[in-house]
Amino acid sequence: MFQHEIFKTLVNEYQTAEIVEKKSKRGKIFYVCQGYPKCDFALWDKPTGEVCPNCGGLMVEKKTGIVCSNCGK
């Protein structure tokens, strides 16, 4: 999907910063690093690839708009 500097930890631990779309057993879409399940980074909301200006977290798309996955702003 995209690569971003926010995933430096993922790169260091799992040698990947690629975020991919997966489906749960019940059919719900979620987003994980390519090394999943070894890599435990996961989001239910679609990441935009942008960084939050307040905390540096990953911005995600919610029904109410684009918000930070970390601080919610």
PDB file of N, CA and C in Angstrom:
ATOM      1  N   MET A   1       0.834  -1.185   0.000  1.00  0.00           N
ATOM      2  CA  MET A   1       0.000   0.000   0.000  1.00  0.00           C
ATOM      3  C   MET A   1       0.879   1.249   0.000  1.00  0.00           C
ATOM      4  N   PHE A   2       1.712   1.454   1.008  1.00  0.00           N
ATOM      5  CA  PHE A   2       2.608   2.597   1.046  1.00  0.00           C
ATOM      6  C   PHE A   2       3.698   2.345   2.072  1.00  0.00           C
ATOM      7  N   GLN A   3       4.730   3.133   2.005  1.00  0.00           N
ATOM      8  CA  GLN A   3       5.785   3.081   3.005  1.00  0.00           C
ATOM      9  C   GLN A   3       5.913   4.457   3.623  1.00  0.00           C
ATOM     10  N   HIS A   4       6.297   4.517   4.883  1.00  0.00           N
ATOM     11  CA  HIS A   4       6.384   5.803   5.555  1.00  0.00           C
ATOM     12  C   HIS A   4       7.368   5.723   6.700  1.00  0.00           C
ATOM     13  N   GLU A   5       7.973   6.842   7.053  1.00  0.00           N
ATOM     14  CA  GLU A   5       8.967   6.885   8.124  1.00  0.00           C
ATOM     15  C   GLU A   5       8.407   6.494   9.478  1.00  0.00           C
ATOM     16  N   ILE A   6       7.096   6.578   9.663  1.00  0.00           N
ATOM     17  CA  ILE A   6       6.492   6.216  10.942  1.00  0.00           C
ATOM     18  C   ILE A   6       6.706   4.738  11.271  1.00  0.00           C
ATOM     19  N   PHE A   7       7.036   3.961  10.260  1.00  0.00           N
ATOM     20  CA  PHE A   7       7.189   2.525  10.448  1.00  0.00           C
ATOM     21  C   PHE A   7       8.634   2.103  10.669  1.00  0.00           C
ATOM     22  N   LYS A   8       9.479   3.026  11.144  1.00  0.00           N
ATOM     23  CA  LYS A   8      10.880   2.676  11.397  1.00  0.00           C
ATOM     24  C   LYS A   8      10.992   1.500  12.360  1.00  0.00           C
ATOM     25  N   THR A   9      10.141   1.458  13.367  1.00  0.00           N
ATOM     26  CA  THR A   9      10.149   0.344  14.313  1.00  0.00           C
ATOM     27  C   THR A   9       9.803  -0.955  13.609  1.00  0.00           C
ATOM     28  N   LEU A  10       8.809  -0.913  12.726  1.00  0.00           N
ATOM     29  CA  LEU A  10       8.438  -2.114  11.995  1.00  0.00           C
ATOM     30  C   LEU A  10       9.582  -2.582  11.103  1.00  0.00           C
ATOM     31  N   VAL A  11      10.248  -1.632  10.482  1.00  0.00           N
ATOM     32  CA  VAL A  11      11.371  -1.969   9.615  1.00  0.00           C
ATOM     33  C   VAL A  11      12.480  -2.611  10.430  1.00  0.00           C
ATOM     34  N   ASN A  12      12.791  -2.026  11.576  1.00  0.00           N
ATOM     35  CA  ASN A  12      13.861  -2.553  12.414  1.00  0.00           C
ATOM     36  C   ASN A  12      13.531  -3.946  12.941  1.00  0.00           C
ATOM     37  N   GLU A  13      12.298  -4.165  13.356  1.00  0.00           N
ATOM     38  CA  GLU A  13      11.930  -5.442  13.949  1.00  0.00           C
ATOM     39  C   GLU A  13      11.553  -6.506  12.929  1.00  0.00           C
ATOM     40  N   TYR A  14      10.896  -6.113  11.856  1.00  0.00           N
ATOM     41  CA  TYR A  14      10.327  -7.096  10.938  1.00  0.00           C
ATOM     42  C   TYR A  14      10.791  -6.943   9.496  1.00  0.00           C
ATOM     43  N   GLN A  15      11.714  -6.033   9.225  1.00  0.00           N
ATOM     44  CA  GLN A  15      12.266  -5.778   7.897  1.00  0.00           C
ATOM     45  C   GLN A  15      11.198  -5.403   6.867  1.00  0.00           C
ATOM     46  N   THR A  16      10.133  -4.755   7.295  1.00  0.00           N
ATOM     47  CA  THR A  16       9.119  -4.289   6.361  1.00  0.00           C
ATOM     48  C   THR A  16       8.388  -3.075   6.906  1.00  0.00           C
ATOM     49  N   ALA A  17       7.991  -2.197   6.023  1.00  0.00           N
ATOM     50  CA  ALA A  17       7.145  -1.070   6.405  1.00  0.00           C
ATOM     51  C   ALA A  17       5.919  -1.070   5.508  1.00  0.00           C
ATOM     52  N   GLU A  18       5.727  -2.123   4.777  1.00  0.00           N
ATOM     53  CA  GLU A  18       4.602  -2.225   3.858  1.00  0.00           C
ATOM     54  C   GLU A  18       3.335  -2.569   4.641  1.00  0.00           C
ATOM     55  N   ILE A  19       2.281  -1.807   4.423  1.00  0.00           N
ATOM     56  CA  ILE A  19       0.992  -2.061   5.058  1.00  0.00           C
ATOM     57  C   ILE A  19       0.096  -2.720   4.012  1.00  0.00           C
ATOM     58  N   VAL A  20      -0.527  -3.819   4.394  1.00  0.00           N
ATOM     59  CA  VAL A  20      -1.381  -4.558   3.467  1.00  0.00           C
ATOM     60  C   VAL A  20      -2.781  -4.726   4.052  1.00  0.00           C
ATOM     61  N   GLU A  21      -3.736  -4.934   3.165  1.00  0.00           N
ATOM     62  CA  GLU A  21      -5.129  -5.137   3.554  1.00  0.00           C
ATOM     63  C   GLU A  21      -5.379  -6.629   3.701  1.00  0.00           C
ATOM     64  N   LYS A  22      -6.033  -7.020   4.788  1.00  0.00           N
ATOM     65  CA  LYS A  22      -6.385  -8.427   5.044  1.00  0.00           C
ATOM     66  C   LYS A  22      -7.859  -8.489   5.409  1.00  0.00           C
ATOM     67  N   LYS A  23      -8.395  -9.704   5.400  1.00  0.00           N
ATOM     68  CA  LYS A  23      -9.773  -9.930   5.854  1.00  0.00           C
ATOM     69  C   LYS A  23      -9.749 -10.861   7.051  1.00  0.00           C
ATOM     70  N   SER A  24     -10.553 -10.508   8.049  1.00  0.00           N
ATOM     71  CA  SER A  24     -10.669 -11.361   9.233  1.00  0.00           C
ATOM     72  C   SER A  24     -11.494 -12.598   8.876  1.00  0.00           C
ATOM     73  N   LYS A  25     -11.565 -13.533   9.794  1.00  0.00           N
ATOM     74  CA  LYS A  25     -12.367 -14.743   9.569  1.00  0.00           C
ATOM     75  C   LYS A  25     -13.836 -14.410   9.349  1.00  0.00           C
ATOM     76  N   ARG A  26     -14.273 -13.303   9.903  1.00  0.00           N
ATOM     77  CA  ARG A  26     -15.667 -12.875   9.744  1.00  0.00           C
ATOM     78  C   ARG A  26     -15.864 -11.947   8.555  1.00  0.00           C
ATOM     79  N   GLY A  27     -14.794 -11.703   7.787  1.00  0.00           N
ATOM     80  CA  GLY A  27     -14.904 -10.910   6.577  1.00  0.00           C
ATOM     81  C   GLY A  27     -14.667  -9.421   6.732  1.00  0.00           C
ATOM     82  N   LYS A  28     -14.309  -8.973   7.931  1.00  0.00           N
ATOM     83  CA  LYS A  28     -14.037  -7.548   8.142  1.00  0.00           C
ATOM     84  C   LYS A  28     -12.616  -7.232   7.684  1.00  0.00           C
ATOM     85  N   ILE A  29     -12.459  -6.119   6.974  1.00  0.00           N
ATOM     86  CA  ILE A  29     -11.154  -5.709   6.465  1.00  0.00           C
ATOM     87  C   ILE A  29     -10.360  -5.023   7.566  1.00  0.00           C
ATOM     88  N   PHE A  30      -9.065  -5.356   7.653  1.00  0.00           N
ATOM     89  CA  PHE A  30      -8.160  -4.675   8.568  1.00  0.00           C
ATOM     90  C   PHE A  30      -6.822  -4.499   7.870  1.00  0.00           C
ATOM     91  N   TYR A  31      -5.947  -3.686   8.456  1.00  0.00           N
ATOM     92  CA  TYR A  31      -4.685  -3.306   7.835  1.00  0.00           C
ATOM     93  C   TYR A  31      -3.535  -3.668   8.764  1.00  0.00           C
ATOM     94  N   VAL A  32      -2.544  -4.379   8.217  1.00  0.00           N
ATOM     95  CA  VAL A  32      -1.426  -4.881   9.010  1.00  0.00           C
ATOM     96  C   VAL A  32      -0.114  -4.688   8.266  1.00  0.00           C
ATOM     97  N   CYS A  33       0.998  -4.781   9.001  1.00  0.00           N
ATOM     98  CA  CYS A  33       2.287  -4.764   8.311  1.00  0.00           C
ATOM     99  C   CYS A  33       2.441  -6.112   7.612  1.00  0.00           C
ATOM    100  N   GLN A  34       3.265  -6.144   6.606  1.00  0.00           N
ATOM    101  CA  GLN A  34       3.401  -7.317   5.757  1.00  0.00           C
ATOM    102  C   GLN A  34       3.852  -8.554   6.522  1.00  0.00           C
ATOM    103  N   GLY A  35       4.517  -8.378   7.659  1.00  0.00           N
ATOM    104  CA  GLY A  35       5.001  -9.503   8.442  1.00  0.00           C
ATOM    105  C   GLY A  35       3.967 -10.114   9.375  1.00  0.00           C
ATOM    106  N   TYR A  36       2.708  -9.702   9.283  1.00  0.00           N
ATOM    107  CA  TYR A  36       1.636 -10.206  10.143  1.00  0.00           C
ATOM    108  C   TYR A  36       1.498 -11.714   9.972  1.00  0.00           C
ATOM    109  N   PRO A  37       1.310 -12.506  11.011  1.00  0.00           N
ATOM    110  CA  PRO A  37       1.049 -12.178  12.413  1.00  0.00           C
ATOM    111  C   PRO A  37       2.299 -11.997  13.267  1.00  0.00           C
ATOM    112  N   LYS A  38       3.476 -12.269  12.710  1.00  0.00           N
ATOM    113  CA  LYS A  38       4.704 -12.049  13.483  1.00  0.00           C
ATOM    114  C   LYS A  38       4.805 -10.585  13.904  1.00  0.00           C
ATOM    115  N   CYS A  39       4.494  -9.685  13.001  1.00  0.00           N
ATOM    116  CA  CYS A  39       4.415  -8.262  13.299  1.00  0.00           C
ATOM    117  C   CYS A  39       3.012  -8.002  13.847  1.00  0.00           C
ATOM    118  N   ASP A  40       2.914  -7.422  15.034  1.00  0.00           N
ATOM    119  CA  ASP A  40       1.602  -7.262  15.663  1.00  0.00           C
ATOM    120  C   ASP A  40       0.949  -5.903  15.409  1.00  0.00           C
ATOM    121  N   PHE A  41       1.478  -5.113  14.471  1.00  0.00           N
ATOM    122  CA  PHE A  41       0.881  -3.831  14.130  1.00  0.00           C
ATOM    123  C   PHE A  41      -0.383  -4.067  13.307  1.00  0.00           C
ATOM    124  N   ALA A  42      -1.522  -3.528  13.750  1.00  0.00           N
ATOM    125  CA  ALA A  42      -2.773  -3.705  13.020  1.00  0.00           C
ATOM    126  C   ALA A  42      -3.695  -2.514  13.248  1.00  0.00           C
ATOM    127  N   LEU A  43      -4.492  -2.188  12.240  1.00  0.00           N
ATOM    128  CA  LEU A  43      -5.484  -1.120  12.301  1.00  0.00           C
ATOM    129  C   LEU A  43      -6.784  -1.606  11.683  1.00  0.00           C
ATOM    130  N   TRP A  44      -7.905  -1.217  12.250  1.00  0.00           N
ATOM    131  CA  TRP A  44      -9.200  -1.506  11.639  1.00  0.00           C
ATOM    132  C   TRP A  44      -9.544  -0.462  10.591  1.00  0.00           C
ATOM    133  N   ASP A  45      -9.042   0.752  10.767  1.00  0.00           N
ATOM    134  CA  ASP A  45      -9.356   1.847   9.853  1.00  0.00           C
ATOM    135  C   ASP A  45      -8.264   1.978   8.799  1.00  0.00           C
ATOM    136  N   LYS A  46      -8.657   2.369   7.584  1.00  0.00           N
ATOM    137  CA  LYS A  46      -7.724   2.466   6.464  1.00  0.00           C
ATOM    138  C   LYS A  46      -6.734   3.609   6.683  1.00  0.00           C
ATOM    139  N   PRO A  47      -5.421   3.309   6.684  1.00  0.00           N
ATOM    140  CA  PRO A  47      -4.423   4.361   6.836  1.00  0.00           C
ATOM    141  C   PRO A  47      -4.325   5.234   5.587  1.00  0.00           C
ATOM    142  N   THR A  48      -4.052   6.518   5.794  1.00  0.00           N
ATOM    143  CA  THR A  48      -3.949   7.443   4.665  1.00  0.00           C
ATOM    144  C   THR A  48      -2.509   7.600   4.197  1.00  0.00           C
ATOM    145  N   GLY A  49      -1.552   7.244   5.046  1.00  0.00           N
ATOM    146  CA  GLY A  49      -0.142   7.440   4.720  1.00  0.00           C
ATOM    147  C   GLY A  49       0.398   8.750   5.238  1.00  0.00           C
ATOM    148  N   GLU A  50      -0.461   9.555   5.855  1.00  0.00           N
ATOM    149  CA  GLU A  50      -0.044  10.836   6.409  1.00  0.00           C
ATOM    150  C   GLU A  50       0.267  10.682   7.896  1.00  0.00           C
ATOM    151  N   VAL A  51       1.035  11.622   8.433  1.00  0.00           N
ATOM    152  CA  VAL A  51       1.427  11.612   9.836  1.00  0.00           C
ATOM    153  C   VAL A  51       0.694  12.713  10.578  1.00  0.00           C
ATOM    154  N   CYS A  52       0.261  12.420  11.796  1.00  0.00           N
ATOM    155  CA  CYS A  52      -0.413  13.407  12.641  1.00  0.00           C
ATOM    156  C   CYS A  52       0.566  14.509  13.026  1.00  0.00           C
ATOM    157  N   PRO A  53       0.189  15.776  12.831  1.00  0.00           N
ATOM    158  CA  PRO A  53       1.081  16.874  13.209  1.00  0.00           C
ATOM    159  C   PRO A  53       1.201  17.046  14.728  1.00  0.00           C
ATOM    160  N   ASN A  54       0.257  16.494  15.488  1.00  0.00           N
ATOM    161  CA  ASN A  54       0.273  16.638  16.944  1.00  0.00           C
ATOM    162  C   ASN A  54       1.165  15.620  17.633  1.00  0.00           C
ATOM    163  N   CYS A  55       1.053  14.338  17.229  1.00  0.00           N
ATOM    164  CA  CYS A  55       1.784  13.294  17.962  1.00  0.00           C
ATOM    165  C   CYS A  55       2.672  12.427  17.081  1.00  0.00           C
ATOM    166  N   GLY A  56       2.566  12.555  15.762  1.00  0.00           N
ATOM    167  CA  GLY A  56       3.377  11.733  14.869  1.00  0.00           C
ATOM    168  C   GLY A  56       2.771  10.385  14.563  1.00  0.00           C
ATOM    169  N   GLY A  57       1.529  10.157  15.038  1.00  0.00           N
ATOM    170  CA  GLY A  57       0.837   8.903  14.755  1.00  0.00           C
ATOM    171  C   GLY A  57       0.360   8.839  13.317  1.00  0.00           C
ATOM    172  N   LEU A  58      -0.141   7.700  12.931  1.00  0.00           N
ATOM    173  CA  LEU A  58      -0.623   7.482  11.576  1.00  0.00           C
ATOM    174  C   LEU A  58      -2.065   7.974  11.435  1.00  0.00           C
ATOM    175  N   MET A  59      -2.339   8.720  10.384  1.00  0.00           N
ATOM    176  CA  MET A  59      -3.700   9.202  10.112  1.00  0.00           C
ATOM    177  C   MET A  59      -4.486   8.095   9.429  1.00  0.00           C
ATOM    178  N   VAL A  60      -5.760   7.930   9.831  1.00  0.00           N
ATOM    179  CA  VAL A  60      -6.633   6.894   9.278  1.00  0.00           C
ATOM    180  C   VAL A  60      -7.969   7.482   8.859  1.00  0.00           C
ATOM    181  N   GLU A  61      -8.639   6.795   7.947  1.00  0.00           N
ATOM    182  CA  GLU A  61      -9.969   7.209   7.485  1.00  0.00           C
ATOM    183  C   GLU A  61     -11.033   6.556   8.354  1.00  0.00           C
ATOM    184  N   LYS A  62     -11.861   7.384   8.970  1.00  0.00           N
ATOM    185  CA  LYS A  62     -13.022   6.906   9.731  1.00  0.00           C
ATOM    186  C   LYS A  62     -14.273   7.446   9.058  1.00  0.00           C
ATOM    187  N   LYS A  63     -15.422   6.989   9.491  1.00  0.00           N
ATOM    188  CA  LYS A  63     -16.690   7.469   8.929  1.00  0.00           C
ATOM    189  C   LYS A  63     -16.860   8.972   9.141  1.00  0.00           C
ATOM    190  N   THR A  64     -16.285   9.472  10.233  1.00  0.00           N
ATOM    191  CA  THR A  64     -16.418  10.894  10.574  1.00  0.00           C
ATOM    192  C   THR A  64     -15.366  11.766   9.900  1.00  0.00           C
ATOM    193  N   GLY A  65     -14.397  11.160   9.218  1.00  0.00           N
ATOM    194  CA  GLY A  65     -13.337  11.907   8.545  1.00  0.00           C
ATOM    195  C   GLY A  65     -11.980  11.304   8.825  1.00  0.00           C
ATOM    196  N   ILE A  66     -10.941  12.054   8.548  1.00  0.00           N
ATOM    197  CA  ILE A  66      -9.581  11.574   8.759  1.00  0.00           C
ATOM    198  C   ILE A  66      -9.112  12.012  10.142  1.00  0.00           C
ATOM    199  N   VAL A  67      -8.669  11.040  10.949  1.00  0.00           N
ATOM    200  CA  VAL A  67      -8.208  11.289  12.313  1.00  0.00           C
ATOM    201  C   VAL A  67      -6.922  10.516  12.579  1.00  0.00           C
ATOM    202  N   CYS A  68      -6.260  10.873  13.659  1.00  0.00           N
ATOM    203  CA  CYS A  68      -5.033  10.181  14.068  1.00  0.00           C
ATOM    204  C   CYS A  68      -5.390   8.871  14.766  1.00  0.00           C
ATOM    205  N   SER A  69      -4.671   7.797  14.407  1.00  0.00           N
ATOM    206  CA  SER A  69      -4.918   6.501  15.035  1.00  0.00           C
ATOM    207  C   SER A  69      -4.388   6.473  16.465  1.00  0.00           C
ATOM    208  N   ASN A  70      -3.554   7.440  16.824  1.00  0.00           N
ATOM    209  CA  ASN A  70      -2.951   7.460  18.142  1.00  0.00           C
ATOM    210  C   ASN A  70      -3.683   8.420  19.089  1.00  0.00           C
ATOM    211  N   CYS A  71      -3.790   9.698  18.723  1.00  0.00           N
ATOM    212  CA  CYS A  71      -4.379  10.682  19.637  1.00  0.00           C
ATOM    213  C   CYS A  71      -5.836  11.028  19.286  1.00  0.00           C
ATOM    214  N   GLY A  72      -6.314  10.615  18.128  1.00  0.00           N
ATOM    215  CA  GLY A  72      -7.710  10.853  17.753  1.00  0.00           C
ATOM    216  C   GLY A  72      -8.031  12.238  17.248  1.00  0.00           C
ATOM    217  N   LYS A  73      -7.033  13.102  17.091  1.00  0.00           N
ATOM    218  CA  LYS A  73      -7.276  14.467  16.634  1.00  0.00           C
ATOM    219  C   LYS A  73      -7.219  14.571  15.134  1.00  0.00           C
TER     220      LYS A  73
END
